[in-house]
C-alpha cells in the first residue's frame, strides 16, 4: 500500500512588514508543490498590515489569517503551529520569500525518509547585502542523524534562520510547548527554540541545500542587523545556552549524557570534518580511563566510522 504524500502547513509571522508580507505570502502560494495551508500570523502590527491582509486574503480559502496583540515571534510561532493541520510545519518570515520549488524539494526528503523529523536549507540574502548562508559551507545534503549530545555540550547550531526551517508537526508542537514567560525573552530570534529544542528533544535532522530560500536584508532585521555586535553576540549566547538547558531539563539530560556520544555519532552516515572533531572532543569526556577515552577520540578522528 502506498504511503500518502507529506502535507505542508506554512506559518508566516509578520510584525509591521506591510511592504514585504504580500511577497512572502505569494511565494508560499506559488509553490509547485502546494501547501495544504498558508497561515499568516499578524503579531499586532500597527502599520496597516491587518486591514491589508484581510482585504487581500480574507476570502482566499488557501490562506488562514490570525490576528492578535503584539507578543513577539515565539508567541506567533505558537499561534501559527496551533492552527496547523499539515504533516510538516514550515516557517517563513514576512520579509523573506521562497522560490517556487522549495516545498517540492524538501517534500522529496520527507516523503522518502519517514525517519527524518527536521529539514533545513541554505539561504541567499538579497536587499542591502548578498551572500550565501550555508550550513558548514556545504553545498551537498548532509544527514545529520541525531544531535542532542553535541547540542547539550557545545550549543551547536544544527539549523538555519527561520525561513529555511521545517519540522514534522508533532515535533513543532513539542518544541513550542514552552511556558508563557518565555515569550518576552524570545520576542526575536525564536528560531533558536525550534533549532535547539528539536536537537535536544531527539529529532533526526537533515540539511538540504535547495537554493530556494531568499533572506531579505533591509537594515532592521532582528538578527542580521546586530549579528556582529559584541553585546548582541553575548546576549544571544546567553539565551541560547539557557534554552538548551531548559530543553535538557525537560528531557532529563545532564553532564553524564556524554557516555551516549559514541552512539549518537554512529547515526551520522557521512559526518563532516567539523562533526568528527566535535564528537572526538566529546569522547574525551566522562569517567572512563584516560587511555580508553583517547582511543575512542582517535577512532572518531581517524578511523572508519562503521568499524570503530
Protein backbone atom coordinates (compact mmCIF):
# COMPACT_ATOMS: atom_id res chain seq x y z
CA UNK A 1 0.00 0.00 0.00
CA UNK A 2 1.42 3.40 -0.97
CA UNK A 3 2.19 5.96 1.73
CA UNK A 4 0.35 9.28 1.31
CA UNK A 5 2.49 12.23 0.29
CA UNK A 6 3.58 14.58 3.05
CA UNK A 7 1.35 17.64 3.50
CA UNK A 8 2.63 21.07 4.50
CA UNK A 9 1.39 23.93 6.64
CA UNK A 10 3.28 27.19 6.10
CA UNK A 11 3.39 29.59 9.05
CA UNK A 12 4.23 33.18 8.07
CA UNK A 13 4.82 35.52 11.00
CA UNK A 14 4.59 39.26 10.44
CA UNK A 15 5.05 42.40 12.52
CA UNK A 16 4.89 45.77 10.76
CA UNK A 17 6.02 44.34 7.43
CA UNK A 18 3.32 45.90 5.27
CA UNK A 19 5.78 46.47 2.43
CA UNK A 20 7.00 42.85 2.39
CA UNK A 21 4.36 40.43 3.64
CA UNK A 22 2.41 40.06 0.39
CA UNK A 23 5.56 38.93 -1.42
CA UNK A 24 6.13 36.29 1.27
CA UNK A 25 2.54 35.03 1.08
CA UNK A 26 2.54 34.95 -2.70
CA UNK A 27 5.80 32.99 -2.73
CA UNK A 28 4.17 30.38 -0.46
CA UNK A 29 1.08 30.22 -2.67
CA UNK A 30 3.17 29.88 -5.84
CA UNK A 31 4.86 26.61 -4.84
CA UNK A 32 4.99 23.85 -7.44
CA UNK A 33 4.00 21.50 -4.62
CA UNK A 34 1.11 23.37 -2.99
CA UNK A 35 0.87 23.71 0.76
CA UNK A 36 -2.24 22.39 2.47
CA UNK A 37 -2.37 25.63 4.46
CA UNK A 38 -0.75 29.05 4.41
CA UNK A 39 -1.21 30.58 7.87
CA UNK A 40 -0.38 34.26 8.30
CA UNK A 41 0.07 35.34 11.91
CA UNK A 42 -0.01 39.12 12.27
CA UNK A 43 1.59 39.93 15.60
CA UNK A 44 -0.24 43.14 16.43
CA UNK A 45 1.06 45.25 13.54
CA UNK A 46 0.32 48.99 13.65
CA UNK A 47 1.30 49.82 10.06
CA UNK A 48 -1.96 48.85 8.35
CA UNK A 49 -0.96 45.24 7.73
CA UNK A 50 -4.07 43.66 9.32
CA UNK A 51 -6.50 45.61 7.15
CA UNK A 52 -4.47 44.96 4.01
CA UNK A 53 -4.20 41.23 4.72
CA UNK A 54 -7.91 40.99 5.44
CA UNK A 55 -8.80 42.79 2.22
CA UNK A 56 -6.43 40.76 0.06
CA UNK A 57 -6.71 37.28 1.59
CA UNK A 58 -9.80 37.32 3.78
CA UNK A 59 -11.86 35.41 1.19
CA UNK A 60 -9.00 33.21 -0.06
CA UNK A 61 -9.59 29.61 1.12
CA UNK A 62 -5.88 28.87 0.78
CA UNK A 63 -4.95 31.41 3.47
CA UNK A 64 -5.75 31.45 7.18
CA UNK A 65 -5.34 34.83 8.86
CA UNK A 66 -4.64 35.09 12.59
CA UNK A 67 -4.58 38.48 14.31
CA UNK A 68 -3.58 39.23 17.88
CA UNK A 69 -1.73 41.54 20.22
CA UNK A 70 1.99 42.08 19.82
CA UNK A 71 3.68 39.34 21.84
CA UNK A 72 6.71 38.57 19.71
CA UNK A 73 7.99 35.86 17.42
CA UNK A 74 7.75 32.90 19.80
CA UNK A 75 4.10 33.65 20.54
CA UNK A 76 3.43 33.99 16.79
CA UNK A 77 5.10 30.62 16.16
CA UNK A 78 2.93 29.05 18.85
CA UNK A 79 -0.29 30.55 17.49
CA UNK A 80 0.51 29.53 13.93
CA UNK A 81 1.53 25.99 14.83
CA UNK A 82 -1.60 25.50 16.94
CA UNK A 83 -3.66 26.20 13.80
CA UNK A 84 -1.60 23.89 11.57
CA UNK A 85 -3.00 20.61 10.24
CA UNK A 86 -0.28 19.54 7.78
CA UNK A 87 2.20 16.76 8.43
CA UNK A 88 5.08 19.24 8.35
CA UNK A 89 5.21 22.86 9.53
CA UNK A 90 7.41 25.24 7.52
CA UNK A 91 8.23 28.70 8.81
CA UNK A 92 8.63 31.83 6.69
CA UNK A 93 9.39 35.34 7.91
CA UNK A 94 7.21 38.02 6.35
CA UNK A 95 10.21 39.87 4.93
CA UNK A 96 11.63 36.78 3.20
CA UNK A 97 10.46 34.69 0.23
CA UNK A 98 10.78 31.26 -1.37
CA UNK A 99 11.42 30.24 -4.95
CA UNK A 100 8.64 28.04 -6.37
CA UNK A 101 10.32 24.64 -5.91
CA UNK A 102 11.13 24.92 -2.19
CA UNK A 103 8.32 22.67 -0.91
CA UNK A 104 8.84 20.29 -3.80
CA UNK A 105 12.48 19.80 -2.84
CA UNK A 106 12.08 19.38 0.91
CA UNK A 107 8.94 17.31 0.30
CA UNK A 108 11.00 14.72 -1.55
CA UNK A 109 13.06 14.18 1.63
CA UNK A 110 10.04 13.98 3.93
CA UNK A 111 8.31 11.54 1.58
CA UNK A 112 11.30 9.25 1.18
CA UNK A 113 12.70 9.45 4.69
CA UNK A 114 9.96 8.94 7.25
CA UNK A 115 12.68 8.78 9.91
CA UNK A 116 13.72 12.39 9.22
CA UNK A 117 11.97 14.87 11.52
CA UNK A 118 13.60 18.21 10.73
CA UNK A 119 14.84 19.56 7.38
CA UNK A 120 16.64 22.86 6.96
CA UNK A 121 18.07 24.60 3.93
CA UNK A 122 20.64 27.08 2.72
CA UNK A 123 19.70 30.73 2.14
CA UNK A 124 20.65 33.52 -0.22
CA UNK A 125 20.45 37.07 1.08
CA UNK A 126 19.13 39.92 -1.05
CA UNK A 127 18.48 43.59 -0.44
CA UNK A 128 21.34 45.62 1.02
CA UNK A 129 23.65 42.58 1.11
CA UNK A 130 24.05 39.46 -0.99
CA UNK A 131 25.73 36.27 0.13
CA UNK A 132 25.09 32.57 0.58
CA UNK A 133 24.35 31.19 4.04
CA UNK A 134 25.35 27.53 4.03
CA UNK A 135 25.49 25.00 6.85
CA UNK A 136 29.19 24.28 7.44
CA UNK A 137 29.93 25.71 3.97
CA UNK A 138 28.36 22.64 2.38
CA UNK A 139 26.58 22.68 -0.97
CA UNK A 140 25.73 18.99 -0.60
CA UNK A 141 22.98 17.36 1.51
CA UNK A 142 24.01 16.11 4.96
CA UNK A 143 22.15 13.52 7.01
CA UNK A 144 22.99 14.85 10.48
CA UNK A 145 21.37 11.98 12.35
CA UNK A 146 20.74 12.83 15.99
CA UNK A 147 22.30 15.89 17.59
CA UNK A 148 21.23 16.08 21.25
CA UNK A 149 24.58 15.37 22.91
CA UNK A 150 26.57 17.77 20.74
CA UNK A 151 23.96 20.48 21.29
CA UNK A 152 23.90 19.89 25.05
CA UNK A 153 27.66 20.35 25.48
CA UNK A 154 28.54 22.82 22.72
CA UNK A 155 25.21 24.55 21.95
CA UNK A 156 25.91 23.56 18.33
CA UNK A 157 23.63 25.28 15.81
CA UNK A 158 22.12 22.49 13.70
CA UNK A 159 19.81 24.72 11.74
CA UNK A 160 19.27 27.93 9.81
CA UNK A 161 17.34 31.20 10.12
CA UNK A 162 13.54 30.91 10.34
CA UNK A 163 12.63 30.86 6.65
CA UNK A 164 14.75 27.77 5.97
CA UNK A 165 13.33 25.66 8.82
CA UNK A 166 10.75 22.88 8.68
CA UNK A 167 9.80 20.04 11.02
CA UNK A 168 7.11 17.44 11.40
CA UNK A 169 4.09 18.88 13.16
CA UNK A 170 4.33 16.61 16.19
CA UNK A 171 7.83 17.97 16.73
CA UNK A 172 6.72 21.56 16.24
CA UNK A 173 4.02 21.05 18.87
CA UNK A 174 6.53 19.51 21.27
CA UNK A 175 9.30 22.05 20.78
CA UNK A 176 6.96 25.06 21.08
CA UNK A 177 5.36 23.75 24.28
CA UNK A 178 7.06 26.50 26.30
CA UNK A 179 5.74 28.49 29.29
CA UNK A 180 4.18 31.90 28.55
CA UNK A 181 7.03 33.51 30.50
CA UNK A 182 9.40 32.58 27.66
CA UNK A 183 7.56 34.79 25.18
CA UNK A 184 9.12 38.01 26.44
CA UNK A 185 12.63 36.56 26.22
CA UNK A 186 12.06 35.26 22.70
CA UNK A 187 10.25 38.17 21.04
CA UNK A 188 13.03 37.97 18.42
CA UNK A 189 15.22 35.12 17.15
CA UNK A 190 12.79 32.44 18.33
CA UNK A 191 14.12 30.17 15.60
CA UNK A 192 16.66 29.17 18.28
CA UNK A 193 13.82 27.46 20.16
CA UNK A 194 12.99 25.41 17.05
CA UNK A 195 16.60 24.55 16.28
CA UNK A 196 17.85 23.71 19.76
CA UNK A 197 14.59 22.22 21.02
CA UNK A 198 14.39 19.76 18.14
CA UNK A 199 18.01 18.72 18.70
CA UNK A 200 17.81 18.23 22.45
CA UNK A 201 14.42 16.51 22.45
CA UNK A 202 15.56 13.94 19.88
CA UNK A 203 14.57 14.92 16.32
CA UNK A 204 16.59 13.48 13.44
CA UNK A 205 17.93 16.30 11.28
CA UNK A 206 18.74 16.67 7.60
CA UNK A 207 20.40 19.56 5.78
CA UNK A 208 19.20 20.02 2.21
CA UNK A 209 20.61 22.84 0.06
CA UNK A 210 17.71 23.93 -2.14
CA UNK A 211 18.79 27.34 -3.49
CA UNK A 212 15.16 28.33 -2.89
CA UNK A 213 15.17 30.42 0.32
CA UNK A 214 15.78 34.15 -0.02
CA UNK A 215 16.53 36.16 3.12
CA UNK A 216 15.87 39.87 2.77
CA UNK A 217 18.39 42.24 4.37
CA UNK A 218 16.93 45.69 4.93
CA UNK A 219 18.82 47.16 7.87
CA UNK A 220 16.32 46.36 10.61
CA UNK A 221 16.40 42.56 10.63
CA UNK A 222 16.31 41.22 14.16
CA UNK A 223 19.37 39.00 13.76
CA UNK A 224 21.19 40.20 10.65
CA UNK A 225 21.47 43.83 11.70
CA UNK A 226 23.10 43.01 15.05
CA UNK A 227 24.88 39.71 14.32
CA UNK A 228 28.41 41.15 14.73
CA UNK A 229 27.85 43.42 17.71
CA UNK A 230 29.67 42.17 20.84
CA UNK A 231 26.75 42.85 23.17
CA UNK A 232 24.30 41.15 20.84
CA UNK A 233 26.59 38.14 20.45
CA UNK A 234 26.92 37.80 24.21
CA UNK A 235 23.22 38.17 24.97
CA UNK A 236 22.24 35.77 22.18
CA UNK A 237 24.78 33.31 23.53
CA UNK A 238 23.23 33.52 26.99
CA UNK A 239 19.73 32.98 25.63
CA UNK A 240 20.82 30.04 23.51
CA UNK A 241 22.60 28.45 26.46
CA UNK A 242 19.50 28.95 28.61
CA UNK A 243 17.05 27.45 26.12
CA UNK A 244 19.30 24.42 25.63
CA UNK A 245 19.38 23.89 29.39
CA UNK A 246 15.59 24.21 29.56
CA UNK A 247 15.06 21.51 26.96
CA UNK A 248 17.74 19.37 28.61
CA UNK A 249 15.86 19.63 31.91
CA UNK A 250 12.67 18.57 30.12
CA UNK A 251 14.33 15.52 28.63
CA UNK A 252 16.39 14.60 31.70
CA UNK A 253 19.83 15.20 30.18
CA UNK A 254 22.80 16.05 32.39
CA UNK A 255 26.58 16.01 32.03
CA UNK A 256 26.63 12.22 32.22
CA UNK A 257 24.98 12.03 28.80
CA UNK A 258 28.48 12.27 27.28
CA UNK A 259 28.60 8.46 27.55
CA UNK A 260 26.00 8.39 24.76
CA UNK A 261 28.05 10.47 22.33
CA UNK A 262 29.57 7.47 20.53
CA UNK A 263 26.11 6.04 19.78
CA UNK A 264 24.90 9.44 18.57
CA UNK A 265 27.91 9.79 16.28
CA UNK A 266 27.10 6.46 14.68
CA UNK A 267 23.72 7.81 13.49
CA UNK A 268 25.54 10.08 11.01
CA UNK A 269 26.17 8.28 7.70
CA UNK A 270 28.84 10.73 6.45
CA UNK A 271 29.89 13.16 9.19
CA UNK A 272 31.74 16.30 8.19
CA UNK A 273 35.23 17.09 9.47
CA UNK A 274 33.78 19.60 11.94
CA UNK A 275 31.36 16.98 13.20
CA UNK A 276 34.15 14.42 13.70
CA UNK A 277 36.11 16.96 15.75
CA UNK A 278 33.07 17.71 17.92
CA UNK A 279 32.46 14.08 18.71
CA UNK A 280 36.15 13.33 19.24
CA UNK A 281 36.09 16.08 21.87
CA UNK A 282 33.01 14.51 23.45
CA UNK A 283 34.77 11.14 23.55
CA UNK A 284 37.41 12.66 25.84
CA UNK A 285 34.77 13.38 28.49
CA UNK A 286 33.44 11.02 31.12
CA UNK A 287 34.83 8.68 33.77
CA UNK A 288 36.44 6.01 31.58
CA UNK A 289 40.22 5.55 31.89
CA UNK A 290 42.17 8.21 30.03
CA UNK A 291 43.62 5.74 27.55
CA UNK A 292 40.14 4.47 26.68
CA UNK A 293 38.83 8.00 26.12
CA UNK A 294 41.78 8.86 23.85
CA UNK A 295 41.31 5.62 21.95
CA UNK A 296 37.67 6.50 21.29
CA UNK A 297 38.58 10.02 20.23
CA UNK A 298 41.25 8.75 17.83
CA UNK A 299 38.86 6.21 16.32
CA UNK A 300 36.40 9.02 15.57
CA UNK A 301 39.02 11.33 14.08
CA UNK A 302 40.98 8.81 12.06
CA UNK A 303 39.07 5.55 11.94
CA UNK A 304 36.39 4.24 9.64
CA UNK A 305 33.10 5.17 11.27
CA UNK A 306 31.34 1.83 10.78
CA UNK A 307 34.27 -0.19 12.15
CA UNK A 308 35.16 1.65 15.35
